[in-house]
Structure formats: structure tokens, C-alpha cells
Protein backbone atom coordinates (compact mmCIF):
# COMPACT_ATOMS: atom_id res chain seq x y z
CA MET A 1 106.10 -52.75 -68.39
CA GLY A 2 104.95 -55.66 -66.59
CA TYR A 3 108.18 -55.84 -63.89
CA VAL A 4 107.28 -57.87 -61.17
CA PRO A 5 110.12 -57.31 -58.41
CA ASP A 6 111.76 -60.81 -56.76
CA TYR A 7 110.10 -61.02 -53.41
CA ASN A 8 112.61 -63.66 -51.61
CA ALA A 9 115.24 -60.75 -52.78
CA ARG A 10 113.21 -58.07 -51.16
CA SER A 11 112.39 -60.46 -48.18
CA LEU A 12 115.45 -61.00 -47.47
CA ILE A 13 116.59 -57.21 -47.59
CA MET A 14 113.91 -56.16 -45.51
CA GLY A 15 114.14 -59.24 -43.11
CA SER A 16 110.21 -59.92 -43.23
CA THR A 17 108.41 -61.68 -45.84
CA LYS A 18 105.34 -59.96 -44.83
CA THR A 19 103.30 -62.96 -44.52
CA ILE A 20 100.76 -64.24 -41.55
CA GLY A 21 100.38 -67.94 -41.29
CA VAL A 22 96.76 -68.69 -40.47
CA ILE A 23 95.37 -72.04 -38.60
CA VAL A 24 91.82 -73.34 -38.50
CA PRO A 25 90.33 -76.77 -37.72
CA ASP A 26 87.55 -76.24 -40.32
CA LEU A 27 87.16 -74.04 -43.12
CA SER A 28 83.87 -74.77 -44.12
CA ASN A 29 82.28 -73.95 -40.59
CA PRO A 30 80.95 -70.50 -41.06
CA PHE A 31 82.11 -69.34 -38.00
CA PHE A 32 85.69 -69.36 -39.34
CA THR A 33 84.50 -68.35 -42.38
CA SER A 34 83.94 -64.68 -40.90
CA PHE A 35 86.76 -64.94 -39.07
CA LEU A 36 89.12 -65.18 -41.42
CA LYS A 37 87.19 -62.21 -42.84
CA GLY A 38 88.27 -60.23 -40.29
CA ILE A 39 91.71 -61.25 -40.91
CA GLY A 40 91.74 -60.07 -44.30
CA GLN A 41 90.41 -56.86 -43.61
CA ALA A 42 92.89 -55.89 -41.33
CA ALA A 43 95.67 -57.94 -43.20
CA GLU A 44 95.09 -55.70 -46.15
CA GLU A 45 95.20 -52.52 -44.29
CA GLU A 46 98.34 -53.89 -42.61
CA GLN A 47 100.10 -55.16 -45.76
CA PHE A 48 100.74 -58.03 -45.23
CA ILE A 49 99.50 -61.51 -46.55
CA PRO A 50 97.37 -63.98 -44.59
CA LEU A 51 98.02 -67.68 -45.59
CA ILE A 52 94.98 -69.49 -44.47
CA LEU A 53 95.15 -73.66 -43.95
CA GLY A 54 92.47 -75.86 -42.23
CA SER A 55 93.57 -78.34 -40.27
CA GLU A 56 90.92 -80.72 -40.36
CA ASP A 57 91.19 -81.42 -36.69
CA ASN A 58 94.31 -83.47 -37.69
CA GLN A 59 96.70 -83.23 -35.59
CA LYS A 60 99.66 -84.67 -37.51
CA LEU A 61 98.54 -82.27 -40.13
CA GLU A 62 98.46 -79.17 -38.43
CA ARG A 63 102.16 -79.91 -37.10
CA ASN A 64 103.08 -80.28 -40.73
CA TYR A 65 101.37 -77.01 -41.69
CA ILE A 66 103.29 -75.33 -38.55
CA GLU A 67 106.66 -76.71 -39.44
CA GLN A 68 106.22 -75.67 -43.61
CA LEU A 69 104.87 -72.41 -42.16
CA VAL A 70 108.33 -71.86 -40.25
CA GLN A 71 110.01 -72.93 -43.26
CA ARG A 72 109.02 -70.42 -45.41
CA SER A 73 109.66 -67.18 -43.03
CA VAL A 74 106.38 -66.18 -41.82
CA ASP A 75 106.95 -63.14 -40.16
CA GLY A 76 103.99 -64.82 -37.36
CA MET A 77 100.87 -67.04 -37.11
CA ILE A 78 97.11 -66.93 -35.53
CA ILE A 79 96.50 -70.09 -34.22
CA ALA A 80 92.33 -71.15 -33.83
CA SER A 81 93.06 -74.85 -33.19
CA PRO A 82 92.27 -76.80 -30.25
CA LEU A 83 94.71 -79.56 -31.01
CA VAL A 84 98.19 -77.38 -31.03
CA GLU A 85 100.57 -78.90 -28.31
CA ARG A 86 102.56 -76.73 -25.99
CA ASP A 87 105.90 -78.39 -27.53
CA ILE A 88 105.22 -76.84 -30.99
CA ILE A 89 104.56 -73.44 -29.67
CA ASP A 90 107.94 -74.08 -27.86
CA HIS A 91 110.05 -75.64 -30.41
CA LEU A 92 108.62 -74.50 -33.70
CA LEU A 93 107.79 -71.28 -32.93
CA LYS A 94 108.93 -69.63 -30.10
CA SER A 95 112.54 -71.44 -30.63
CA ASN A 96 112.62 -69.67 -33.68
CA GLY A 97 111.64 -66.11 -32.73
CA ILE A 98 107.87 -66.26 -34.55
CA PRO A 99 105.29 -64.36 -32.60
CA TYR A 100 102.05 -66.43 -32.82
CA ILE A 101 98.20 -65.15 -31.26
CA LEU A 102 96.15 -67.82 -29.74
CA ILE A 103 92.11 -68.06 -30.67
CA ASP A 104 89.88 -69.15 -27.35
CA GLN A 105 89.44 -72.47 -28.57
CA ASN A 106 93.10 -73.21 -27.46
CA PRO A 107 94.40 -74.67 -24.47
CA VAL A 108 98.22 -73.66 -24.62
CA ALA A 109 98.57 -71.10 -21.27
CA GLU A 110 101.33 -68.68 -22.42
CA GLY A 111 100.85 -66.26 -25.44
CA ASP A 112 98.68 -63.76 -26.72
CA ARG A 113 95.24 -64.98 -26.11
CA LEU A 114 91.90 -63.85 -27.98
CA TYR A 115 88.39 -65.54 -27.10
CA THR A 116 85.06 -64.40 -26.03
CA ASP A 117 82.64 -64.65 -23.18
CA ASP A 118 81.50 -68.93 -23.87
CA ALA A 119 79.73 -68.67 -20.25
CA ASP A 120 77.81 -65.80 -20.44
CA GLY A 121 76.67 -66.53 -23.53
CA ALA A 122 75.08 -69.77 -22.51
CA ARG A 123 73.92 -67.86 -19.78
CA GLN A 124 72.18 -65.44 -21.70
CA ALA A 125 70.64 -68.52 -24.41
CA VAL A 126 69.15 -70.12 -21.47
CA GLN A 127 67.87 -67.18 -19.40
CA HIS A 128 65.77 -65.88 -22.52
CA LEU A 129 64.46 -69.68 -22.55
CA LEU A 130 63.69 -69.14 -18.58
CA ASP A 131 62.29 -65.95 -19.16
CA LEU A 132 59.68 -67.29 -21.85
CA GLY A 133 58.53 -70.37 -18.84
CA HIS A 134 60.90 -72.65 -20.33
CA GLN A 135 61.53 -75.28 -17.19
CA LYS A 136 63.06 -78.53 -19.40
CA ILE A 137 65.82 -76.87 -20.88
CA ALA A 138 68.15 -79.02 -23.35
CA LEU A 139 71.84 -78.11 -24.10
CA ILE A 140 73.36 -79.56 -27.74
CA TYR A 141 76.49 -80.53 -26.37
CA SER A 142 79.54 -81.64 -27.99
CA ASP A 143 81.04 -84.99 -28.24
CA LYS A 144 84.48 -83.75 -28.49
CA PRO A 145 83.87 -80.43 -26.76
CA THR A 146 86.84 -77.62 -26.89
CA ILE A 147 87.74 -75.61 -23.78
CA ASN A 148 85.12 -72.61 -25.31
CA VAL A 149 82.59 -75.30 -25.73
CA ALA A 150 83.00 -76.83 -22.18
CA TYR A 151 82.61 -73.30 -20.67
CA ARG A 152 79.14 -72.93 -22.24
CA LEU A 153 78.16 -76.23 -20.61
CA ARG A 154 79.42 -74.23 -17.63
CA GLY A 155 77.24 -71.24 -18.24
CA TYR A 156 74.45 -73.66 -18.48
CA LYS A 157 74.53 -74.90 -15.62
CA GLU A 158 75.23 -71.74 -13.75
CA ALA A 159 71.84 -69.99 -15.21
CA LEU A 160 70.22 -73.25 -14.27
CA GLU A 161 71.47 -73.71 -10.92
CA LYS A 162 70.62 -69.84 -10.14
CA SER A 163 66.98 -70.10 -11.36
CA GLY A 164 66.27 -72.89 -8.49
CA ILE A 165 65.66 -75.56 -11.35
CA GLY A 166 68.99 -77.42 -11.04
CA PHE A 167 71.37 -78.92 -13.61
CA ASP A 168 69.73 -82.71 -15.14
CA PRO A 169 72.70 -84.53 -16.66
CA LYS A 170 69.87 -86.12 -18.92
CA LEU A 171 69.45 -82.69 -20.69
CA VAL A 172 72.76 -82.83 -22.01
CA LEU A 173 72.45 -84.86 -25.46
CA THR A 174 76.10 -85.31 -27.43
CA THR A 175 76.92 -84.97 -31.05
CA PRO A 176 78.92 -83.66 -33.45
CA MET A 177 79.28 -80.09 -33.92
CA THR A 178 77.83 -80.14 -37.32
CA LYS A 179 74.41 -79.75 -39.42
CA GLU A 180 74.73 -83.52 -39.34
CA GLY A 181 75.33 -84.07 -35.81
CA GLY A 182 72.34 -81.79 -35.35
CA TYR A 183 69.94 -84.12 -37.73
CA GLN A 184 70.81 -87.05 -35.43
CA VAL A 185 70.33 -85.89 -32.14
CA ALA A 186 66.34 -84.96 -32.75
CA GLN A 187 64.83 -87.70 -32.09
CA SER A 188 67.21 -87.87 -28.39
CA LEU A 189 65.53 -84.49 -28.14
CA ILE A 190 61.99 -85.42 -29.00
CA ASP A 191 62.66 -88.39 -26.71
CA SER A 192 63.50 -85.82 -23.31
CA GLU A 193 61.10 -84.23 -21.65
CA ALA A 194 62.62 -80.78 -22.63
CA THR A 195 60.46 -77.76 -24.32
CA ALA A 196 63.28 -75.59 -25.46
CA VAL A 197 66.94 -76.12 -26.50
CA VAL A 198 70.27 -74.29 -26.46
CA THR A 199 72.69 -75.86 -29.51
CA ILE A 200 76.13 -75.37 -28.67
CA ASN A 201 76.45 -73.52 -32.55
CA ASP A 202 74.44 -72.54 -35.32
CA GLU A 203 75.36 -75.58 -37.64
CA VAL A 204 74.00 -78.08 -34.92
CA ALA A 205 70.59 -75.72 -34.82
CA ILE A 206 70.28 -75.55 -38.67
CA GLY A 207 70.81 -79.41 -38.50
CA LEU A 208 68.10 -79.92 -35.58
CA TYR A 209 65.75 -77.59 -37.49
CA HIS A 210 65.50 -80.33 -39.73
CA GLY A 211 65.29 -83.51 -38.44
CA LEU A 212 62.78 -81.69 -35.93
CA GLN A 213 60.51 -81.33 -38.87
CA GLU A 214 61.19 -84.00 -40.88
CA LYS A 215 59.44 -85.26 -37.82
CA GLY A 216 56.63 -83.51 -37.71
CA LYS A 217 57.51 -81.17 -35.20
CA SER A 218 57.08 -77.25 -35.36
CA ILE A 219 59.85 -74.12 -34.31
CA PRO A 220 58.58 -73.17 -31.83
CA GLU A 221 55.08 -74.60 -31.32
CA ASP A 222 57.02 -77.95 -30.34
CA TYR A 223 60.45 -76.56 -29.14
CA SER A 224 61.92 -73.04 -28.93
CA ILE A 225 65.53 -73.13 -30.07
CA VAL A 226 68.54 -70.96 -29.75
CA GLY A 227 71.69 -70.98 -30.98
CA TYR A 228 74.91 -70.32 -30.67
CA ASP A 229 77.69 -67.88 -33.13
CA ASP A 230 74.95 -66.00 -35.61
CA ILE A 231 76.42 -66.99 -38.79
CA ASP A 232 75.17 -64.96 -41.79
CA LEU A 233 72.27 -68.12 -42.00
CA ALA A 234 70.68 -67.79 -38.92
CA ALA A 235 68.48 -65.10 -40.15
CA TYR A 236 67.76 -66.38 -43.21
CA LEU A 237 66.72 -69.87 -41.72
CA ASN A 238 62.31 -70.06 -41.49
CA PRO A 239 61.40 -69.38 -38.46
CA THR A 240 64.77 -67.32 -38.25
CA LEU A 241 67.23 -68.28 -35.43
CA THR A 242 67.28 -66.78 -32.10
CA THR A 243 70.98 -66.84 -31.05
CA VAL A 244 74.06 -65.94 -29.07
CA ALA A 245 76.04 -63.66 -31.42
CA GLN A 246 80.27 -63.52 -31.17
CA PRO A 247 81.91 -60.92 -32.91
CA VAL A 248 84.07 -62.89 -34.86
CA MET A 249 84.70 -60.50 -37.75
CA HIS A 250 86.18 -58.18 -35.25
CA LEU A 251 87.61 -60.75 -33.13
CA GLY A 252 89.46 -61.99 -36.37
CA ASN A 253 90.29 -58.30 -36.86
CA LEU A 254 91.70 -58.13 -33.65
CA ALA A 255 94.15 -60.86 -34.08
CA LEU A 256 95.69 -59.49 -36.92
CA ARG A 257 96.25 -56.47 -36.12
CA ARG A 258 97.77 -57.42 -32.48
CA LEU A 259 99.91 -59.84 -34.42
CA VAL A 260 101.77 -57.35 -36.47
CA ALA A 261 101.87 -55.34 -32.94
CA ARG A 262 104.09 -58.14 -31.74
CA ILE A 263 105.73 -58.63 -35.17
CA LYS A 264 107.28 -55.14 -34.66
CA ASP A 265 108.05 -55.31 -30.90
CA HIS A 266 108.71 -59.16 -29.86
CA ASN A 267 108.53 -57.46 -26.35
CA LEU A 268 105.49 -56.12 -25.79
CA ALA A 269 103.83 -57.95 -22.82
CA ASP A 270 101.29 -60.55 -23.64
CA GLU A 271 97.90 -60.21 -23.65
CA LYS A 272 94.45 -61.54 -23.01
CA VAL A 273 91.48 -59.81 -24.08
CA LYS A 274 87.57 -61.14 -23.71
CA LEU A 275 85.22 -60.14 -26.51
CA PRO A 276 81.71 -59.68 -24.99
CA VAL A 277 78.73 -61.41 -26.82
CA LYS A 278 75.05 -60.86 -26.93
CA LEU A 279 71.67 -62.39 -27.08
CA VAL A 280 70.04 -61.69 -30.70
CA ILE A 281 65.74 -62.71 -30.44
CA ARG A 282 64.63 -63.85 -33.60
CA HIS A 283 61.46 -66.02 -34.40
CA SER A 284 62.93 -69.62 -33.02
CA THR A 285 61.59 -69.01 -29.36
CA LYS A 286 58.48 -67.77 -27.82
CA GLN A 287 56.69 -68.34 -24.49
CA LEU A 288 55.79 -71.49 -23.35
CA GLY A 289 51.93 -72.27 -23.57
CA ARG A 290 51.09 -69.23 -26.11
């Protein structure tokens, strides 16, 4: 008959809007595309609607979004932004009884937290290059590192120091965590003595491919490259990108399900879940000297 129930009236009766607020820093980043896909799949099964917002790394915009979501009586929030402050958690979410889940980049200590083992991912990447005979291994690092990115730097240092090579700060090249950032840092890599490089994410690796190839360099003949994230495009680059795979869709799926459980029972103990990562070897790395 075309009848649609008045959802506001229904929500008042049920005491729930069946909506989840989701805030990510960059909707254009393929990492978050996969993360949101995982949230969407779980939300459909749990019969919740995700309201997805990108903060564009803007703290003022993010605070406004959180305030608006609170005003719209969302049942809970998933926050994957590194910018959220403790007072936002205390004064907007906790004081209004809104459950929330923090994803790895977030520095706020309290609450449920889901994250991947960033230090181990970097260790795996560096060890792979060491096993191929490389000793001068650069790290293309963020110019504005978040907590999880800082753990990747720690893993990079630990792997080098364990090998007896030691950490050389001159081989850490900083740039924005974007394709353009990877493109811009290509000359700095050429100017270094590195024969191999770990990029802080696959987006940077894609830009680096373009920058190196434009300057007449070949991958992996001149430089072995390991990315981080294993976004969909990694398997379609030429050559295909060796990278550290994160279980991104599972992370989104788990975040939604954990939040729904907390919505149903606000007294659940805080939970911290660390998910493993794994190295996916493709064709952007090769034995040194071969």
C-alpha cells in the first residue's frame, strides 16, 4: 500500500533509533573504504543503519559531527579518527550514555579499542627485505604521524636493530600519507643510499611508483618496495605490490558487532582487541644483486 512507518514515533516507543554514527578521517582512503564495507555488512545483519561521516582531519568539523550525532540520538558511535579529545568523550558521549568504539589511531585511553599489530607489520616488512639481502632500507614515514603509524616506526627500528644493522635516522623520509606524498618523496629516496623501502601505507607506495618510474627507475630492479594495508589496488599495480595486509573488513565488522553488544549491555567491561597482520609477497621486491 506504500505505507511507511513514522520512524521518530517508533524510536520513542522502542527507545532506540537503530542507528550508529561512524566517523573516519578520510573517506577517499581505500583503507577506510574496506573498513566501512565491513561495518555495512555487520550493520545489515544486526539491523542497524550506519551514518558515515568523514572529518577530513578537521578537529572542529569532527566535534560538530559528534554533537550532531548526539542530538540525533544515535545508539552508539565508531570513531576511527586520531583527533578526538578526551573532553569530547567525557562531555558528549559518556555524559549522554552513548556507547562508543575506538579504532587504532585513537589516543583516548578509555573505552573499547580495536587495533592491528602495527609494530609487527613493520617488522615483517623489514625482515622480508633483510632476507633478500638489503641492508640500506628506507622508511617513508608520515609528516603527521598518528599513534598506530608511530608503532610502525618502532617495528622498523626493532627489526633493523635486531639484525645488527642499527637504525639510521637519515633513511626515514617524511611526507604526507597520500599518493602525492609518495610522488614527492621519490627524489629523496633516490638521493639516499637505500636499495629498498617500506612505505607507511599503500597510497604512498602508489605515488612512489609513479615518481620513481618518471625518473627512469625500475621496480624492483632499482628499488624493492613494501607497502602497508593491502588495499585492492595493490594487486593490480605493475609490478604487483608486496605489502602488509591488515584485516580491514574484519576490523569494521568486529567494531560494529562489539558496539551493538555494548548498546544492548552498557555494563560490559572494556575490551581491547589486537588483530594480527601478515606480509603478502608479490613482485615489487627481489633479491639484491640478482
